Amino acid sequence: MTTITERWLRPRSPNTQFPPYAFGDPSIVGLAEARTSTVARIYHKGHEQAWDGRAVLDELVAKHGGIHFPADKRHAFAKIA
């Protein structure tokens, strides 16, 4: 598999691609590739650490029980819009 740098500098069909990659500066490709991999790493770390709202809600309902309103206040809560 080729790297991003190789694909950027040597596209499959350079005559049909825009912008013309033949005019690209090879020094900035490596910098862009490094930054892209950093952003990808941060994204994947964040994705791993994100919480699953449905699982958390299920755990909280199991721990604390469902939502229970006092009988005298149910009518008032039903009118909240």
PDB file of N, CA and C in Angstrom:
ATOM      1  N   MET A   1       0.842  -1.177   0.000  1.00  0.00           N
ATOM      2  CA  MET A   1       0.000   0.000   0.000  1.00  0.00           C
ATOM      3  C   MET A   1       0.884   1.237   0.000  1.00  0.00           C
ATOM      4  N   THR A   2       0.514   2.203  -0.748  1.00  0.00           N
ATOM      5  CA  THR A   2       1.320   3.417  -0.838  1.00  0.00           C
ATOM      6  C   THR A   2       0.945   4.388   0.266  1.00  0.00           C
ATOM      7  N   THR A   3       1.881   5.265   0.574  1.00  0.00           N
ATOM      8  CA  THR A   3       1.626   6.281   1.598  1.00  0.00           C
ATOM      9  C   THR A   3       0.872   7.456   0.983  1.00  0.00           C
ATOM     10  N   ILE A   4       0.363   8.322   1.849  1.00  0.00           N
ATOM     11  CA  ILE A   4      -0.334   9.515   1.372  1.00  0.00           C
ATOM     12  C   ILE A   4       0.607  10.366   0.534  1.00  0.00           C
ATOM     13  N   THR A   5       1.859  10.460   0.973  1.00  0.00           N
ATOM     14  CA  THR A   5       2.844  11.255   0.244  1.00  0.00           C
ATOM     15  C   THR A   5       3.027  10.729  -1.169  1.00  0.00           C
ATOM     16  N   GLU A   6       3.178   9.416  -1.305  1.00  0.00           N
ATOM     17  CA  GLU A   6       3.372   8.832  -2.639  1.00  0.00           C
ATOM     18  C   GLU A   6       2.141   9.026  -3.512  1.00  0.00           C
ATOM     19  N   ARG A   7       0.966   8.886  -2.919  1.00  0.00           N
ATOM     20  CA  ARG A   7      -0.256   9.081  -3.705  1.00  0.00           C
ATOM     21  C   ARG A   7      -0.417  10.536  -4.125  1.00  0.00           C
ATOM     22  N   TRP A   8       0.009  11.448  -3.284  1.00  0.00           N
ATOM     23  CA  TRP A   8      -0.121  12.864  -3.604  1.00  0.00           C
ATOM     24  C   TRP A   8       0.866  13.264  -4.692  1.00  0.00           C
ATOM     25  N   LEU A   9       2.092  12.757  -4.578  1.00  0.00           N
ATOM     26  CA  LEU A   9       3.123  13.130  -5.551  1.00  0.00           C
ATOM     27  C   LEU A   9       2.991  12.364  -6.860  1.00  0.00           C
ATOM     28  N   ARG A  10       2.470  11.127  -6.798  1.00  0.00           N
ATOM     29  CA  ARG A  10       2.335  10.312  -8.002  1.00  0.00           C
ATOM     30  C   ARG A  10       0.920   9.748  -8.089  1.00  0.00           C
ATOM     31  N   PRO A  11      -0.064  10.573  -8.481  1.00  0.00           N
ATOM     32  CA  PRO A  11      -1.434  10.072  -8.598  1.00  0.00           C
ATOM     33  C   PRO A  11      -1.555   9.065  -9.731  1.00  0.00           C
ATOM     34  N   ARG A  12      -2.626   8.280  -9.703  1.00  0.00           N
ATOM     35  CA  ARG A  12      -2.831   7.245 -10.719  1.00  0.00           C
ATOM     36  C   ARG A  12      -2.958   7.835 -12.117  1.00  0.00           C
ATOM     37  N   SER A  13      -3.720   8.884 -12.243  1.00  0.00           N
ATOM     38  CA  SER A  13      -3.893   9.508 -13.563  1.00  0.00           C
ATOM     39  C   SER A  13      -3.683  11.017 -13.429  1.00  0.00           C
ATOM     40  N   PRO A  14      -2.437  11.450 -13.449  1.00  0.00           N
ATOM     41  CA  PRO A  14      -2.131  12.859 -13.198  1.00  0.00           C
ATOM     42  C   PRO A  14      -2.717  13.815 -14.245  1.00  0.00           C
ATOM     43  N   ASN A  15      -2.976  13.352 -15.443  1.00  0.00           N
ATOM     44  CA  ASN A  15      -3.488  14.247 -16.480  1.00  0.00           C
ATOM     45  C   ASN A  15      -4.946  14.624 -16.257  1.00  0.00           C
ATOM     46  N   THR A  16      -5.676  13.795 -15.502  1.00  0.00           N
ATOM     47  CA  THR A  16      -7.100  14.049 -15.330  1.00  0.00           C
ATOM     48  C   THR A  16      -7.448  14.583 -13.952  1.00  0.00           C
ATOM     49  N   GLN A  17      -6.479  14.719 -13.066  1.00  0.00           N
ATOM     50  CA  GLN A  17      -6.769  15.171 -11.712  1.00  0.00           C
ATOM     51  C   GLN A  17      -6.547  16.662 -11.562  1.00  0.00           C
ATOM     52  N   PHE A  18      -7.358  17.270 -10.721  1.00  0.00           N
ATOM     53  CA  PHE A  18      -7.185  18.673 -10.382  1.00  0.00           C
ATOM     54  C   PHE A  18      -7.110  18.767  -8.871  1.00  0.00           C
ATOM     55  N   PRO A  19      -6.249  19.562  -8.321  1.00  0.00           N
ATOM     56  CA  PRO A  19      -5.258  20.409  -8.962  1.00  0.00           C
ATOM     57  C   PRO A  19      -4.100  19.587  -9.518  1.00  0.00           C
ATOM     58  N   PRO A  20      -3.284  20.200 -10.345  1.00  0.00           N
ATOM     59  CA  PRO A  20      -2.160  19.450 -10.942  1.00  0.00           C
ATOM     60  C   PRO A  20      -1.106  19.138  -9.885  1.00  0.00           C
ATOM     61  N   TYR A  21      -1.117  17.900  -9.417  1.00  0.00           N
ATOM     62  CA  TYR A  21      -0.222  17.512  -8.328  1.00  0.00           C
ATOM     63  C   TYR A  21       1.249  17.543  -8.716  1.00  0.00           C
ATOM     64  N   ALA A  22       1.546  17.580  -9.989  1.00  0.00           N
ATOM     65  CA  ALA A  22       2.943  17.645 -10.411  1.00  0.00           C
ATOM     66  C   ALA A  22       3.597  18.932  -9.932  1.00  0.00           C
ATOM     67  N   PHE A  23       2.793  19.943  -9.654  1.00  0.00           N
ATOM     68  CA  PHE A  23       3.332  21.212  -9.180  1.00  0.00           C
ATOM     69  C   PHE A  23       3.423  21.272  -7.663  1.00  0.00           C
ATOM     70  N   GLY A  24       3.109  20.187  -6.987  1.00  0.00           N
ATOM     71  CA  GLY A  24       3.123  20.162  -5.529  1.00  0.00           C
ATOM     72  C   GLY A  24       4.518  20.236  -4.958  1.00  0.00           C
ATOM     73  N   ASP A  25       4.612  20.775  -3.775  1.00  0.00           N
ATOM     74  CA  ASP A  25       5.884  20.888  -3.069  1.00  0.00           C
ATOM     75  C   ASP A  25       6.029  19.665  -2.156  1.00  0.00           C
ATOM     76  N   PRO A  26       6.993  18.790  -2.435  1.00  0.00           N
ATOM     77  CA  PRO A  26       7.144  17.565  -1.633  1.00  0.00           C
ATOM     78  C   PRO A  26       7.401  17.830  -0.155  1.00  0.00           C
ATOM     79  N   SER A  27       7.963  18.980   0.192  1.00  0.00           N
ATOM     80  CA  SER A  27       8.271  19.250   1.596  1.00  0.00           C
ATOM     81  C   SER A  27       7.008  19.448   2.431  1.00  0.00           C
ATOM     82  N   ILE A  28       5.941  19.963   1.836  1.00  0.00           N
ATOM     83  CA  ILE A  28       4.734  20.173   2.624  1.00  0.00           C
ATOM     84  C   ILE A  28       3.880  18.914   2.729  1.00  0.00           C
ATOM     85  N   VAL A  29       4.123  17.969   1.867  1.00  0.00           N
ATOM     86  CA  VAL A  29       3.333  16.741   1.899  1.00  0.00           C
ATOM     87  C   VAL A  29       3.611  15.972   3.181  1.00  0.00           C
ATOM     88  N   GLY A  30       4.874  15.849   3.545  1.00  0.00           N
ATOM     89  CA  GLY A  30       5.235  15.145   4.776  1.00  0.00           C
ATOM     90  C   GLY A  30       4.648  15.824   6.002  1.00  0.00           C
ATOM     91  N   LEU A  31       4.667  17.150   6.017  1.00  0.00           N
ATOM     92  CA  LEU A  31       4.100  17.904   7.126  1.00  0.00           C
ATOM     93  C   LEU A  31       2.591  17.677   7.211  1.00  0.00           C
ATOM     94  N   ALA A  32       1.924  17.724   6.077  1.00  0.00           N
ATOM     95  CA  ALA A  32       0.479  17.486   6.055  1.00  0.00           C
ATOM     96  C   ALA A  32       0.160  16.051   6.489  1.00  0.00           C
ATOM     97  N   GLU A  33       0.969  15.106   6.076  1.00  0.00           N
ATOM     98  CA  GLU A  33       0.756  13.711   6.448  1.00  0.00           C
ATOM     99  C   GLU A  33       0.920  13.526   7.960  1.00  0.00           C
ATOM    100  N   ALA A  34       1.910  14.175   8.551  1.00  0.00           N
ATOM    101  CA  ALA A  34       2.129  14.077   9.990  1.00  0.00           C
ATOM    102  C   ALA A  34       0.960  14.682  10.758  1.00  0.00           C
ATOM    103  N   ARG A  35       0.487  15.827  10.301  1.00  0.00           N
ATOM    104  CA  ARG A  35      -0.643  16.471  10.976  1.00  0.00           C
ATOM    105  C   ARG A  35      -1.916  15.647  10.825  1.00  0.00           C
ATOM    106  N   THR A  36      -2.098  15.055   9.663  1.00  0.00           N
ATOM    107  CA  THR A  36      -3.275  14.225   9.438  1.00  0.00           C
ATOM    108  C   THR A  36      -3.261  13.016  10.365  1.00  0.00           C
ATOM    109  N   SER A  37      -2.110  12.396  10.526  1.00  0.00           N
ATOM    110  CA  SER A  37      -2.046  11.231  11.406  1.00  0.00           C
ATOM    111  C   SER A  37      -2.272  11.638  12.858  1.00  0.00           C
ATOM    112  N   THR A  38      -1.825  12.842  13.244  1.00  0.00           N
ATOM    113  CA  THR A  38      -2.067  13.332  14.596  1.00  0.00           C
ATOM    114  C   THR A  38      -3.556  13.548  14.832  1.00  0.00           C
ATOM    115  N   VAL A  39      -4.215  14.173  13.877  1.00  0.00           N
ATOM    116  CA  VAL A  39      -5.651  14.414  13.999  1.00  0.00           C
ATOM    117  C   VAL A  39      -6.404  13.078  14.041  1.00  0.00           C
ATOM    118  N   ALA A  40      -5.995  12.129  13.234  1.00  0.00           N
ATOM    119  CA  ALA A  40      -6.644  10.818  13.222  1.00  0.00           C
ATOM    120  C   ALA A  40      -6.476  10.121  14.571  1.00  0.00           C
ATOM    121  N   ARG A  41      -5.285  10.222  15.150  1.00  0.00           N
ATOM    122  CA  ARG A  41      -5.028   9.607  16.452  1.00  0.00           C
ATOM    123  C   ARG A  41      -5.913  10.248  17.529  1.00  0.00           C
ATOM    124  N   ILE A  42      -6.002  11.568  17.526  1.00  0.00           N
ATOM    125  CA  ILE A  42      -6.839  12.265  18.498  1.00  0.00           C
ATOM    126  C   ILE A  42      -8.301  11.855  18.330  1.00  0.00           C
ATOM    127  N   TYR A  43      -8.754  11.776  17.092  1.00  0.00           N
ATOM    128  CA  TYR A  43     -10.139  11.377  16.819  1.00  0.00           C
ATOM    129  C   TYR A  43     -10.418   9.977  17.365  1.00  0.00           C
ATOM    130  N   HIS A  44      -9.526   9.033  17.098  1.00  0.00           N
ATOM    131  CA  HIS A  44      -9.752   7.658  17.530  1.00  0.00           C
ATOM    132  C   HIS A  44      -9.676   7.534  19.053  1.00  0.00           C
ATOM    133  N   LYS A  45      -8.780   8.288  19.694  1.00  0.00           N
ATOM    134  CA  LYS A  45      -8.715   8.278  21.159  1.00  0.00           C
ATOM    135  C   LYS A  45     -10.015   8.814  21.739  1.00  0.00           C
ATOM    136  N   GLY A  46     -10.505   9.911  21.176  1.00  0.00           N
ATOM    137  CA  GLY A  46     -11.758  10.477  21.645  1.00  0.00           C
ATOM    138  C   GLY A  46     -12.923   9.528  21.444  1.00  0.00           C
ATOM    139  N   HIS A  47     -12.916   8.830  20.326  1.00  0.00           N
ATOM    140  CA  HIS A  47     -13.980   7.869  20.040  1.00  0.00           C
ATOM    141  C   HIS A  47     -13.960   6.724  21.047  1.00  0.00           C
ATOM    142  N   GLU A  48     -12.771   6.278  21.431  1.00  0.00           N
ATOM    143  CA  GLU A  48     -12.653   5.200  22.419  1.00  0.00           C
ATOM    144  C   GLU A  48     -13.171   5.641  23.782  1.00  0.00           C
ATOM    145  N   GLN A  49     -12.951   6.917  24.118  1.00  0.00           N
ATOM    146  CA  GLN A  49     -13.299   7.408  25.445  1.00  0.00           C
ATOM    147  C   GLN A  49     -14.711   7.985  25.520  1.00  0.00           C
ATOM    148  N   ALA A  50     -15.388   8.080  24.391  1.00  0.00           N
ATOM    149  CA  ALA A  50     -16.750   8.606  24.389  1.00  0.00           C
ATOM    150  C   ALA A  50     -17.674   7.632  25.102  1.00  0.00           C
ATOM    151  N   TRP A  51     -18.679   8.153  25.729  1.00  0.00           N
ATOM    152  CA  TRP A  51     -19.615   7.300  26.443  1.00  0.00           C
ATOM    153  C   TRP A  51     -20.820   6.997  25.577  1.00  0.00           C
ATOM    154  N   ASP A  52     -21.385   5.828  25.835  1.00  0.00           N
ATOM    155  CA  ASP A  52     -22.572   5.377  25.117  1.00  0.00           C
ATOM    156  C   ASP A  52     -23.783   5.774  25.953  1.00  0.00           C
ATOM    157  N   GLY A  53     -24.536   6.755  25.481  1.00  0.00           N
ATOM    158  CA  GLY A  53     -25.654   7.293  26.234  1.00  0.00           C
ATOM    159  C   GLY A  53     -26.691   6.257  26.607  1.00  0.00           C
ATOM    160  N   ARG A  54     -26.994   5.339  25.708  1.00  0.00           N
ATOM    161  CA  ARG A  54     -27.996   4.307  26.006  1.00  0.00           C
ATOM    162  C   ARG A  54     -27.523   3.374  27.114  1.00  0.00           C
ATOM    163  N   ALA A  55     -26.246   2.999  27.062  1.00  0.00           N
ATOM    164  CA  ALA A  55     -25.713   2.107  28.095  1.00  0.00           C
ATOM    165  C   ALA A  55     -25.697   2.811  29.452  1.00  0.00           C
ATOM    166  N   VAL A  56     -25.319   4.093  29.454  1.00  0.00           N
ATOM    167  CA  VAL A  56     -25.294   4.849  30.711  1.00  0.00           C
ATOM    168  C   VAL A  56     -26.705   4.978  31.275  1.00  0.00           C
ATOM    169  N   LEU A  57     -27.680   5.282  30.421  1.00  0.00           N
ATOM    170  CA  LEU A  57     -29.062   5.395  30.884  1.00  0.00           C
ATOM    171  C   LEU A  57     -29.553   4.067  31.463  1.00  0.00           C
ATOM    172  N   ASP A  58     -29.246   2.973  30.801  1.00  0.00           N
ATOM    173  CA  ASP A  58     -29.651   1.660  31.318  1.00  0.00           C
ATOM    174  C   ASP A  58     -29.029   1.384  32.687  1.00  0.00           C
ATOM    175  N   GLU A  59     -27.754   1.732  32.851  1.00  0.00           N
ATOM    176  CA  GLU A  59     -27.081   1.536  34.135  1.00  0.00           C
ATOM    177  C   GLU A  59     -27.713   2.392  35.230  1.00  0.00           C
ATOM    178  N   LEU A  60     -28.026   3.643  34.895  1.00  0.00           N
ATOM    179  CA  LEU A  60     -28.625   4.535  35.888  1.00  0.00           C
ATOM    180  C   LEU A  60     -30.031   4.087  36.283  1.00  0.00           C
ATOM    181  N   VAL A  61     -30.809   3.615  35.314  1.00  0.00           N
ATOM    182  CA  VAL A  61     -32.152   3.117  35.627  1.00  0.00           C
ATOM    183  C   VAL A  61     -32.048   1.870  36.499  1.00  0.00           C
ATOM    184  N   ALA A  62     -31.080   1.008  36.204  1.00  0.00           N
ATOM    185  CA  ALA A  62     -30.889  -0.197  37.017  1.00  0.00           C
ATOM    186  C   ALA A  62     -30.448   0.171  38.435  1.00  0.00           C
ATOM    187  N   LYS A  63     -29.628   1.192  38.554  1.00  0.00           N
ATOM    188  CA  LYS A  63     -29.102   1.580  39.872  1.00  0.00           C
ATOM    189  C   LYS A  63     -30.127   2.361  40.691  1.00  0.00           C
ATOM    190  N   HIS A  64     -30.815   3.323  40.036  1.00  0.00           N
ATOM    191  CA  HIS A  64     -31.682   4.243  40.777  1.00  0.00           C
ATOM    192  C   HIS A  64     -33.172   4.007  40.550  1.00  0.00           C
ATOM    193  N   GLY A  65     -33.514   3.135  39.637  1.00  0.00           N
ATOM    194  CA  GLY A  65     -34.921   2.927  39.313  1.00  0.00           C
ATOM    195  C   GLY A  65     -35.375   3.928  38.265  1.00  0.00           C
ATOM    196  N   GLY A  66     -36.599   3.787  37.825  1.00  0.00           N
ATOM    197  CA  GLY A  66     -37.123   4.688  36.796  1.00  0.00           C
ATOM    198  C   GLY A  66     -37.470   6.054  37.361  1.00  0.00           C
ATOM    199  N   ILE A  67     -38.133   6.858  36.546  1.00  0.00           N
ATOM    200  CA  ILE A  67     -38.549   8.184  36.967  1.00  0.00           C
ATOM    201  C   ILE A  67     -39.919   8.055  37.618  1.00  0.00           C
ATOM    202  N   HIS A  68     -40.026   8.565  38.829  1.00  0.00           N
ATOM    203  CA  HIS A  68     -41.272   8.477  39.581  1.00  0.00           C
ATOM    204  C   HIS A  68     -41.655   9.875  40.066  1.00  0.00           C
ATOM    205  N   PHE A  69     -42.873  10.303  39.718  1.00  0.00           N
ATOM    206  CA  PHE A  69     -43.379  11.591  40.159  1.00  0.00           C
ATOM    207  C   PHE A  69     -44.404  11.373  41.265  1.00  0.00           C
ATOM    208  N   PRO A  70     -44.432  12.274  42.208  1.00  0.00           N
ATOM    209  CA  PRO A  70     -45.509  12.194  43.217  1.00  0.00           C
ATOM    210  C   PRO A  70     -46.863  12.353  42.527  1.00  0.00           C
ATOM    211  N   ALA A  71     -47.834  11.657  42.992  1.00  0.00           N
ATOM    212  CA  ALA A  71     -49.156  11.661  42.352  1.00  0.00           C
ATOM    213  C   ALA A  71     -49.746  13.053  42.266  1.00  0.00           C
ATOM    214  N   ASP A  72     -49.497  13.900  43.276  1.00  0.00           N
ATOM    215  CA  ASP A  72     -50.095  15.231  43.275  1.00  0.00           C
ATOM    216  C   ASP A  72     -49.415  16.184  42.288  1.00  0.00           C
ATOM    217  N   LYS A  73     -48.249  15.831  41.761  1.00  0.00           N
ATOM    218  CA  LYS A  73     -47.534  16.721  40.840  1.00  0.00           C
ATOM    219  C   LYS A  73     -47.505  16.207  39.404  1.00  0.00           C
ATOM    220  N   ARG A  74     -48.048  15.064  39.148  1.00  0.00           N
ATOM    221  CA  ARG A  74     -48.031  14.484  37.792  1.00  0.00           C
ATOM    222  C   ARG A  74     -48.758  15.362  36.797  1.00  0.00           C
ATOM    223  N   HIS A  75     -49.874  15.905  37.196  1.00  0.00           N
ATOM    224  CA  HIS A  75     -50.655  16.759  36.288  1.00  0.00           C
ATOM    225  C   HIS A  75     -49.829  17.989  35.884  1.00  0.00           C
ATOM    226  N   ALA A  76     -49.110  18.585  36.822  1.00  0.00           N
ATOM    227  CA  ALA A  76     -48.286  19.769  36.530  1.00  0.00           C
ATOM    228  C   ALA A  76     -47.130  19.407  35.601  1.00  0.00           C
ATOM    229  N   PHE A  77     -46.481  18.285  35.824  1.00  0.00           N
ATOM    230  CA  PHE A  77     -45.368  17.863  34.954  1.00  0.00           C
ATOM    231  C   PHE A  77     -45.847  17.526  33.550  1.00  0.00           C
ATOM    232  N   ALA A  78     -47.066  17.040  33.440  1.00  0.00           N
ATOM    233  CA  ALA A  78     -47.611  16.679  32.121  1.00  0.00           C
ATOM    234  C   ALA A  78     -47.848  17.905  31.263  1.00  0.00           C
ATOM    235  N   LYS A  79     -48.011  19.089  31.868  1.00  0.00           N
ATOM    236  CA  LYS A  79     -48.286  20.312  31.126  1.00  0.00           C
ATOM    237  C   LYS A  79     -47.025  21.036  30.676  1.00  0.00           C
ATOM    238  N   ILE A  80     -45.850  20.589  31.068  1.00  0.00           N
ATOM    239  CA  ILE A  80     -44.609  21.248  30.657  1.00  0.00           C
ATOM    240  C   ILE A  80     -44.390  21.003  29.181  1.00  0.00           C
ATOM    241  N   ALA A  81     -44.195  22.107  28.448  1.00  0.00           N
ATOM    242  CA  ALA A  81     -44.005  21.965  27.009  1.00  0.00           C
ATOM    243  C   ALA A  81     -42.736  22.627  26.555  1.00  0.00           C
TER     244      ALA A  81
END
